[in-house]
Amino acid sequence: MSQTRPETPKSTRGVLLFNLGGPETLEDVYPFLLNLFSDPDIFRVPRLIQPLLARIIARRRAPKSREYYRQIGGGSPLRKITDDQARLLEEALNREKTEVHWKVRVGMRYAPPRTSDALRELVSSGIEDLVFLPLYPQRSRTTTGSSFREALAEAKRIAPGLPVRTIPSWPVYPPYIKSLAETVGDALRAIPEEETVHILFSAHGIPEFLVTREKDPYEADTNATVSAAMETLHSLHPRRKLFHHLSYQSRVGPLKWLGPETRLELSRLAGEGVRHLVMVPVSFVSDHQETLYEMDILYGQMTRDLGYKTFLRAPSLNTRPSFINALASLLREASDPPCASAPCFCSCGACPKQSG
C-alpha cells in the first residue's frame, strides 16, 4: 500500500513595502506634515529645535495643502493603492509552487500603517526572514535611506536577529522599465503616429546639495531610468518621432533644488513650438497629490494656457499587472545576503551595510 509523502513545510518570508504615506482625510494633513518635517533625513536642522520648527512649518503649510487634497477628493489615495499592491503582490508570489510562503505588508514613513506596526504584524505571523522593498525605484537618502534607517532600527528592537534582506533600488530593472514604457504607450495611442511627440519625465525634486556634496544617487538613478525607458520606447514604437526631457517638481523652501523645474520646462518647450506632450511620473509608482493635483490639475491648466495642442499624463503604475509581476520577479531574484545590522550611509545614502 503506497504512502503519501508528507509535504515539506514551507518557510515563511515576510516582505515590507515602503512608501511615504499620505493623509487620507483633510484632518490627517497636519499630522502627516508634522511627521514629514520631524524626519532629520528630510528637514536638516539642529535636533534640539527640530520639534518646534516642525510644528511651526506644518501649521503654516497645512491650509494650502488641505486645499490641494480637497481638489483631488479630500485625501490621498496612496494607502488604498499601496494596500492593493501588497495584496496583489502576495497573491502573485504565492501563485508559484515553491518552498517559500510569502506575506506582504505595507509600512508607511509618515502616515498609517506605520513601519513598526507592519513589522509587529509580520513577526507575530511567524516569518523566518524578511525582505525590505522600497516602492521608490530610484535611491535617495530622503526616501529609501530614511525608510531603511527607521525599519532596521525597529526590526532590531522588535525581532533582534531576524535575517533581513534589502533591495535598495531598481531603477533599470527590465520588467519595471517595460511596465513604465507601457504606460507611456497608453498615452501615445491618443496621438496620431505621424505627429512628433515630446515626452517629459517629471520626478520629485530634492535639494541639489544632497547630490553635489553628499553624493546622493537619486539624480543618477533617475537619469538611468529615463534612458532605459526611452530605449524601450524607441524599440516598441520605431515609427514614432519621440523626443524626451527630464524635469523635477514639488520644490519647497529656499534651497536650490535639482532642475530644471517642471513648470519652467513646460514654458520652455512651449516657447520652442512643442505641441504634443506626454508627461510621465517617473519617480512615482502610485497616484497621490503629486500626480493628481500637480500634474493633472496644475500642469494641465498650465499647458492649456501655454497653447499645447495635446497634453497627456501617462497613467501611474498603481496595480498594473505587469508592474505587480515586475515586483514579484524582483523579490524572487533578490540575492542580498541577510543583514540585521544598522544601515551604512557611506556615499549612496540609501543602502544598508551588508555583512558577509
Protein backbone atom coordinates (compact mmCIF):
# COMPACT_ATOMS: atom_id res chain seq x y z
CA MET A 1 0.00 0.00 0.00
CA SER A 2 1.56 3.27 -1.11
CA GLN A 3 2.00 6.03 1.38
CA THR A 4 1.62 9.70 0.60
CA ARG A 5 4.83 11.55 1.27
CA PRO A 6 4.16 14.45 3.63
CA GLU A 7 4.67 17.89 2.15
CA THR A 8 7.86 19.67 3.10
CA PRO A 9 6.91 22.51 5.45
CA LYS A 10 7.22 25.86 3.74
CA SER A 11 9.35 28.60 5.16
CA THR A 12 7.55 31.90 5.64
CA ARG A 13 9.15 35.03 4.24
CA GLY A 14 7.90 38.49 5.03
CA VAL A 15 8.01 41.45 2.66
CA LEU A 16 7.74 45.01 3.86
CA LEU A 17 6.82 47.54 1.17
CA PHE A 18 7.92 51.09 1.92
CA ASN A 19 6.22 54.29 0.85
CA LEU A 20 5.81 57.80 2.26
CA GLY A 21 2.13 57.56 3.10
CA GLY A 22 -0.35 60.38 2.81
CA PRO A 23 -3.30 61.99 4.58
CA GLU A 24 -6.47 60.00 3.96
CA THR A 25 -8.69 62.87 5.14
CA LEU A 26 -8.29 66.63 5.42
CA GLU A 27 -7.95 66.21 9.19
CA ASP A 28 -4.90 63.99 8.61
CA VAL A 29 -2.97 66.69 6.74
CA TYR A 30 -1.37 68.38 9.76
CA PRO A 31 -0.20 65.12 11.45
CA PHE A 32 1.23 63.95 8.12
CA LEU A 33 3.17 67.19 7.62
CA LEU A 34 4.36 67.14 11.23
CA ASN A 35 5.78 63.64 10.79
CA LEU A 36 7.38 64.65 7.49
CA PHE A 37 9.17 67.72 8.86
CA SER A 38 10.20 65.83 12.00
CA ASP A 39 12.35 63.49 9.90
CA PRO A 40 16.03 64.57 10.00
CA ASP A 41 16.59 62.99 6.58
CA ILE A 42 14.03 65.43 5.13
CA PHE A 43 14.44 68.57 7.23
CA ARG A 44 18.04 69.36 8.19
CA VAL A 45 18.07 71.50 11.34
CA PRO A 46 19.66 71.07 14.79
CA ARG A 47 17.92 68.23 16.63
CA LEU A 48 17.07 70.35 19.67
CA ILE A 49 14.93 72.78 17.71
CA GLN A 50 13.52 70.36 15.13
CA PRO A 51 10.30 69.50 17.05
CA LEU A 52 9.41 73.18 17.42
CA LEU A 53 10.25 74.08 13.82
CA ALA A 54 8.39 71.03 12.52
CA ARG A 55 5.23 72.14 14.32
CA ILE A 56 5.54 75.70 13.03
CA ILE A 57 6.13 74.68 9.40
CA ALA A 58 3.43 72.00 9.45
CA ARG A 59 0.93 74.51 10.86
CA ARG A 60 1.79 77.09 8.20
CA ARG A 61 1.66 74.67 5.28
CA ALA A 62 -1.43 72.73 6.34
CA PRO A 63 -4.12 75.14 4.99
CA LYS A 64 -2.65 75.25 1.47
CA SER A 65 -2.00 71.51 1.49
CA ARG A 66 -5.59 70.81 2.61
CA GLU A 67 -6.83 72.77 -0.40
CA TYR A 68 -4.74 70.61 -2.73
CA TYR A 69 -6.15 67.44 -1.20
CA ARG A 70 -9.68 68.87 -1.31
CA GLN A 71 -9.31 69.23 -5.09
CA ILE A 72 -8.39 65.55 -5.51
CA GLY A 73 -11.28 64.20 -3.48
CA GLY A 74 -10.50 65.10 0.13
CA GLY A 75 -7.45 62.94 0.75
CA SER A 76 -4.65 60.87 -0.71
CA PRO A 77 -5.48 57.52 -2.37
CA LEU A 78 -1.94 56.29 -1.68
CA ARG A 79 -2.80 53.97 1.21
CA LYS A 80 -5.56 52.16 -0.66
CA ILE A 81 -3.42 51.81 -3.78
CA THR A 82 -0.42 50.53 -1.80
CA ASP A 83 -2.60 48.10 0.17
CA ASP A 84 -3.93 46.79 -3.16
CA GLN A 85 -0.37 46.48 -4.49
CA ALA A 86 0.61 44.46 -1.41
CA ARG A 87 -2.40 42.14 -1.71
CA LEU A 88 -1.87 41.51 -5.41
CA LEU A 89 1.88 41.06 -4.93
CA GLU A 90 1.33 38.46 -2.20
CA GLU A 91 -1.05 36.59 -4.50
CA ALA A 92 1.45 36.71 -7.37
CA LEU A 93 4.31 35.46 -5.19
CA ASN A 94 2.31 32.56 -3.75
CA ARG A 95 0.87 31.56 -7.12
CA GLU A 96 4.12 29.75 -7.94
CA LYS A 97 4.63 26.45 -6.14
CA THR A 98 7.84 26.97 -4.19
CA GLU A 99 9.20 26.14 -0.77
CA VAL A 100 8.53 29.70 0.39
CA HIS A 101 5.24 31.15 1.58
CA TRP A 102 5.18 34.93 1.26
CA LYS A 103 3.45 37.52 3.43
CA VAL A 104 3.45 41.12 2.19
CA ARG A 105 2.67 44.14 4.33
CA VAL A 106 2.93 47.92 3.94
CA GLY A 107 4.98 50.26 6.14
CA MET A 108 4.44 53.97 5.59
CA ARG A 109 7.00 56.50 6.76
CA TYR A 110 4.74 59.40 7.76
CA ALA A 111 1.19 58.01 7.99
CA PRO A 112 -0.58 54.78 8.96
CA PRO A 113 0.12 51.94 8.66
CA ARG A 114 3.44 52.78 10.25
CA THR A 115 6.52 50.63 9.77
CA SER A 116 6.66 49.43 13.39
CA ASP A 117 3.05 48.19 13.26
CA ALA A 118 3.65 46.33 9.99
CA LEU A 119 6.80 44.73 11.42
CA ARG A 120 4.97 43.54 14.54
CA GLU A 121 2.24 42.00 12.40
CA LEU A 122 4.77 40.17 10.23
CA VAL A 123 6.82 38.92 13.17
CA SER A 124 3.73 37.70 15.05
CA SER A 125 2.68 35.76 11.94
CA GLY A 126 5.80 33.59 12.23
CA ILE A 127 8.04 34.83 9.43
CA GLU A 128 11.54 33.35 9.33
CA ASP A 129 13.19 36.12 7.35
CA LEU A 130 12.25 39.49 5.92
CA VAL A 131 12.77 41.49 2.72
CA PHE A 132 12.62 45.28 2.57
CA LEU A 133 11.33 46.54 -0.77
CA PRO A 134 11.04 50.33 -1.16
CA LEU A 135 8.44 51.48 -3.67
CA TYR A 136 10.95 54.10 -4.78
CA PRO A 137 12.68 52.79 -7.92
CA GLN A 138 15.45 55.39 -7.54
CA ARG A 139 17.51 55.59 -4.33
CA SER A 140 17.74 58.68 -2.17
CA ARG A 141 18.67 59.41 1.41
CA THR A 142 15.33 61.23 1.68
CA THR A 143 13.22 58.20 0.74
CA THR A 144 14.85 54.77 0.74
CA GLY A 145 17.53 55.87 3.17
CA SER A 146 15.04 57.29 5.66
CA SER A 147 12.79 54.22 5.44
CA PHE A 148 15.70 51.81 5.85
CA ARG A 149 17.07 53.72 8.82
CA GLU A 150 13.75 53.52 10.65
CA ALA A 151 12.89 49.97 9.64
CA LEU A 152 16.25 48.40 10.51
CA ALA A 153 16.19 50.04 13.93
CA GLU A 154 12.63 48.81 14.52
CA ALA A 155 13.47 45.30 13.30
CA LYS A 156 16.42 45.13 15.67
CA ARG A 157 14.18 46.23 18.55
CA ILE A 158 11.13 44.10 17.74
CA ALA A 159 12.85 40.94 16.43
CA PRO A 160 16.59 41.00 17.15
CA GLY A 161 18.46 38.51 15.00
CA LEU A 162 15.76 38.23 12.35
CA PRO A 163 17.52 37.92 8.96
CA VAL A 164 16.71 40.96 6.84
CA ARG A 165 17.33 41.23 3.11
CA THR A 166 17.18 44.54 1.32
CA ILE A 167 16.54 45.71 -2.23
CA PRO A 168 17.92 49.26 -2.14
CA SER A 169 16.87 50.29 -5.65
CA TRP A 170 15.72 49.05 -9.02
CA PRO A 171 15.95 52.00 -11.46
CA VAL A 172 16.70 49.94 -14.60
CA TYR A 173 15.17 46.57 -13.68
CA PRO A 174 13.94 45.38 -17.11
CA PRO A 175 10.41 44.24 -16.12
CA TYR A 176 9.86 47.58 -14.34
CA ILE A 177 11.16 49.54 -17.34
CA LYS A 178 8.88 47.56 -19.65
CA SER A 179 5.87 48.31 -17.46
CA LEU A 180 6.78 52.00 -17.30
CA ALA A 181 7.11 52.10 -21.09
CA GLU A 182 3.66 50.51 -21.37
CA THR A 183 2.13 53.45 -19.50
CA VAL A 184 3.70 55.86 -22.00
CA GLY A 185 2.41 53.70 -24.83
CA ASP A 186 -1.11 54.02 -23.40
CA ALA A 187 -0.85 57.81 -23.73
CA LEU A 188 0.76 57.68 -27.17
CA ARG A 189 -2.24 55.83 -28.60
CA ALA A 190 -4.24 59.07 -28.39
CA ILE A 191 -1.76 60.93 -30.64
CA PRO A 192 -1.53 60.26 -34.40
CA GLU A 193 1.60 58.32 -35.29
CA GLU A 194 2.81 60.95 -37.74
CA GLU A 195 2.97 63.65 -35.04
CA THR A 196 6.21 64.50 -33.23
CA VAL A 197 5.76 63.82 -29.52
CA HIS A 198 7.85 65.17 -26.66
CA ILE A 199 7.95 63.05 -23.50
CA LEU A 200 8.58 64.93 -20.27
CA PHE A 201 9.65 62.69 -17.40
CA SER A 202 8.82 64.54 -14.18
CA ALA A 203 10.50 63.37 -10.97
CA HIS A 204 10.13 64.58 -7.41
CA GLY A 205 12.91 67.05 -6.71
CA ILE A 206 15.41 67.04 -3.86
CA PRO A 207 17.83 69.75 -2.70
CA GLU A 208 20.81 69.95 -5.03
CA PHE A 209 23.40 69.83 -2.22
CA LEU A 210 22.38 66.25 -1.45
CA VAL A 211 23.72 65.26 -4.86
CA THR A 212 26.68 67.64 -5.21
CA ARG A 213 28.00 67.45 -1.63
CA GLU A 214 26.64 64.22 -0.18
CA LYS A 215 26.72 62.10 -3.35
CA ASP A 216 23.06 61.08 -3.14
CA PRO A 217 22.46 58.68 -6.07
CA TYR A 218 18.95 59.92 -6.84
CA GLU A 219 19.79 62.05 -9.89
CA ALA A 220 21.97 59.34 -11.44
CA ASP A 221 19.33 56.67 -10.80
CA THR A 222 16.62 58.88 -12.31
CA ASN A 223 18.70 59.55 -15.42
CA ALA A 224 19.30 55.82 -15.76
CA THR A 225 15.56 55.09 -15.57
CA VAL A 226 14.78 57.69 -18.24
CA SER A 227 17.49 56.37 -20.58
CA ALA A 228 16.31 52.78 -20.19
CA ALA A 229 12.67 53.76 -20.67
CA MET A 230 13.44 55.69 -23.86
CA GLU A 231 15.48 52.82 -25.27
CA THR A 232 12.47 50.56 -24.72
CA LEU A 233 10.03 53.10 -26.16
CA HIS A 234 12.08 53.54 -29.34
CA SER A 235 12.13 49.76 -29.69
CA LEU A 236 8.36 49.44 -29.15
CA HIS A 237 7.46 52.41 -31.35
CA PRO A 238 10.11 52.51 -34.12
CA ARG A 239 7.96 54.63 -36.46
CA ARG A 240 7.32 57.37 -33.92
CA LYS A 241 9.26 60.62 -33.65
CA LEU A 242 9.89 60.77 -29.92
CA PHE A 243 11.98 63.31 -28.00
CA HIS A 244 12.43 63.26 -24.25
CA HIS A 245 13.25 65.61 -21.39
CA LEU A 246 13.66 65.27 -17.62
CA SER A 247 12.49 67.79 -15.03
CA TYR A 248 11.82 67.96 -11.30
CA GLN A 249 8.72 69.05 -9.41
CA SER A 250 7.35 69.71 -5.90
CA ARG A 251 10.05 72.17 -4.85
CA VAL A 252 9.60 73.74 -1.39
CA GLY A 253 11.73 76.13 0.65
CA PRO A 254 14.56 78.50 -0.26
CA LEU A 255 17.26 75.94 -1.10
CA LYS A 256 18.33 75.27 -4.68
CA TRP A 257 16.79 72.01 -5.91
CA LEU A 258 17.60 69.72 -8.81
CA GLY A 259 16.49 71.22 -12.09
CA PRO A 260 15.11 72.11 -14.44
CA GLU A 261 11.86 72.71 -12.58
CA THR A 262 8.89 71.10 -14.33
CA ARG A 263 6.81 74.27 -14.67
CA LEU A 264 9.77 76.12 -16.22
CA GLU A 265 10.43 73.24 -18.59
CA LEU A 266 6.81 73.34 -19.72
CA SER A 267 7.20 77.04 -20.53
CA ARG A 268 10.49 76.46 -22.36
CA LEU A 269 9.12 73.66 -24.51
CA ALA A 270 6.03 75.68 -25.40
CA GLY A 271 8.28 78.55 -26.45
CA GLU A 272 10.17 76.18 -28.74
CA GLY A 273 6.97 75.19 -30.51
CA VAL A 274 6.27 71.82 -28.88
CA ARG A 275 2.58 70.97 -29.32
CA HIS A 276 2.18 67.32 -28.33
CA LEU A 277 3.44 66.44 -24.85
CA VAL A 278 3.21 63.33 -22.69
CA MET A 279 4.16 63.74 -19.03
CA VAL A 280 5.49 60.68 -17.21
CA PRO A 281 5.58 60.40 -13.40
CA VAL A 282 8.99 58.75 -13.33
CA SER A 283 9.70 58.60 -9.59
CA PHE A 284 6.12 57.85 -8.51
CA VAL A 285 4.68 54.34 -8.80
CA SER A 286 1.27 55.26 -7.36
CA ASP A 287 -1.18 58.11 -7.70
CA HIS A 288 -1.13 60.73 -4.96
CA GLN A 289 -1.02 64.51 -4.65
CA GLU A 290 1.98 64.95 -6.95
CA THR A 291 0.25 63.18 -9.84
CA LEU A 292 -3.42 64.00 -9.26
CA TYR A 293 -3.02 67.65 -8.27
CA GLU A 294 0.36 68.87 -9.53
CA MET A 295 0.41 67.01 -12.83
CA ASP A 296 -3.26 66.63 -13.72
CA ILE A 297 -4.66 69.90 -12.38
CA LEU A 298 -1.80 72.40 -12.03
CA TYR A 299 0.29 71.42 -15.05
CA GLY A 300 -2.82 70.52 -17.03
CA GLN A 301 -4.12 74.08 -16.72
CA MET A 302 -0.66 75.48 -17.39
CA THR A 303 -0.33 73.58 -20.68
CA ARG A 304 -3.74 74.81 -21.79
CA ASP A 305 -2.69 78.38 -21.05
CA LEU A 306 0.59 77.85 -22.93
CA GLY A 307 -1.20 76.63 -26.04
CA TYR A 308 -0.21 72.96 -26.20
CA LYS A 309 -2.41 71.06 -28.62
CA THR A 310 -2.08 67.82 -26.67
CA PHE A 311 -1.14 67.28 -23.03
CA LEU A 312 -1.46 63.76 -21.68
CA ARG A 313 -0.22 62.27 -18.46
CA ALA A 314 0.92 58.66 -18.65
CA PRO A 315 -1.08 56.64 -16.11
CA SER A 316 0.68 55.72 -12.89
CA LEU A 317 1.79 52.13 -12.46
CA ASN A 318 -0.55 51.56 -9.50
CA THR A 319 -1.83 47.94 -9.76
CA ARG A 320 -0.96 47.39 -13.43
CA PRO A 321 -0.46 43.60 -13.74
CA SER A 322 2.93 43.94 -15.46
CA PHE A 323 4.14 46.14 -12.59
CA ILE A 324 2.95 43.73 -9.91
CA ASN A 325 4.67 40.90 -11.79
CA ALA A 326 7.84 43.02 -12.01
CA LEU A 327 7.87 43.44 -8.23
CA ALA A 328 7.28 39.71 -7.77
CA SER A 329 10.20 38.87 -10.07
CA LEU A 330 12.38 41.38 -8.27
CA LEU A 331 11.67 39.73 -4.93
CA ARG A 332 12.27 36.23 -6.22
CA GLU A 333 15.61 37.30 -7.68
CA ALA A 334 16.73 39.22 -4.60
CA SER A 335 20.14 37.88 -3.62
CA ASP A 336 21.32 40.32 -0.95
CA PRO A 337 22.95 38.47 1.94
CA PRO A 338 20.91 38.51 5.16
CA CYS A 339 21.62 41.63 7.15
CA ALA A 340 20.35 42.71 10.54
CA SER A 341 22.89 45.46 11.13
CA ALA A 342 22.40 49.21 11.14
CA PRO A 343 22.33 50.96 7.77
CA CYS A 344 25.50 52.36 6.29
CA PHE A 345 25.10 55.78 4.71
CA CYS A 346 28.55 55.88 3.17
CA SER A 347 28.23 57.52 -0.23
CA CYS A 348 24.86 56.50 -1.59
CA GLY A 349 22.81 57.39 1.45
CA ALA A 350 20.40 54.55 0.85
CA CYS A 351 21.99 51.10 1.02
CA PRO A 352 22.34 49.32 4.35
CA LYS A 353 25.70 47.84 5.22
CA GLN A 354 25.80 44.22 4.16
CA SER A 355 27.67 41.62 6.14
CA GLY A 356 29.33 38.52 4.78
